[in-house]
């Protein structure tokens, strides 16, 4: 399976990265509003960014 094509890169990296950054941003907004679940949401977004980085190193690079 050829994972070096631009389509696979777009699917594996760009779209999930945008989603993870939105989740982190939502967590930051909740933190500034002093809502209790803000840090949890921000950590989930950061964890998802970490999974995307692992996918890059293991599958694409």
Protein backbone atom coordinates (compact mmCIF):
# COMPACT_ATOMS: atom_id res chain seq x y z
CA UNK A 1 0.00 0.00 0.00
CA UNK A 2 1.53 3.28 -1.13
CA UNK A 3 1.17 5.84 1.66
CA UNK A 4 3.29 8.55 0.11
CA UNK A 5 0.62 10.02 -2.14
CA UNK A 6 -0.85 13.45 -1.46
CA UNK A 7 -4.37 12.06 -0.94
CA UNK A 8 -3.31 9.81 1.91
CA UNK A 9 -1.30 12.62 3.47
CA UNK A 10 -4.37 14.84 3.35
CA UNK A 11 -6.60 12.19 4.91
CA UNK A 12 -4.11 11.09 7.59
CA UNK A 13 -2.67 14.46 8.58
CA UNK A 14 -4.47 17.61 7.50
CA UNK A 15 -8.11 16.83 8.31
CA UNK A 16 -7.44 15.20 11.73
CA UNK A 17 -5.00 17.98 12.64
CA UNK A 18 -7.62 20.63 11.96
CA UNK A 19 -10.12 18.65 14.06
CA UNK A 20 -7.63 18.26 16.94
CA UNK A 21 -6.78 21.97 16.89
CA UNK A 22 -10.49 22.82 17.06
CA UNK A 23 -10.88 20.50 20.06
CA UNK A 24 -7.88 22.12 21.80
CA UNK A 25 -9.31 25.56 21.05
CA UNK A 26 -12.67 24.54 22.47
CA UNK A 27 -10.91 23.35 25.62
CA UNK A 28 -9.08 26.68 25.92
CA UNK A 29 -12.35 28.59 25.59
CA UNK A 30 -13.89 26.45 28.33
CA UNK A 31 -10.83 27.01 30.54
CA UNK A 32 -11.14 30.79 30.16
CA UNK A 33 -14.85 30.54 31.06
CA UNK A 34 -13.88 28.55 34.19
CA UNK A 35 -15.87 25.48 33.15
CA UNK A 36 -14.81 22.24 34.79
CA UNK A 37 -14.42 20.11 31.69
CA UNK A 38 -12.10 22.54 29.88
CA UNK A 39 -8.79 20.93 30.88
CA UNK A 40 -10.08 17.47 30.00
CA UNK A 41 -11.14 18.58 26.53
CA UNK A 42 -7.82 20.34 25.95
CA UNK A 43 -5.91 17.20 27.00
CA UNK A 44 -8.00 15.03 24.68
CA UNK A 45 -7.17 17.37 21.80
CA UNK A 46 -3.46 17.28 22.66
CA UNK A 47 -3.60 13.49 22.86
CA UNK A 48 -5.21 13.38 19.46
CA UNK A 49 -2.42 15.58 18.09
CA UNK A 50 0.05 13.08 19.55
CA UNK A 51 -1.71 10.22 17.76
CA UNK A 52 -1.50 12.14 14.50
CA UNK A 53 2.24 12.62 15.04
CA UNK A 54 2.65 8.88 15.65
CA UNK A 55 0.72 8.12 12.47
CA UNK A 56 3.05 10.40 10.56
CA UNK A 57 6.21 8.76 11.86
CA UNK A 58 4.99 5.17 11.57
CA UNK A 59 3.00 5.21 8.32
CA UNK A 60 3.97 8.14 6.13
CA UNK A 61 7.59 8.94 6.82
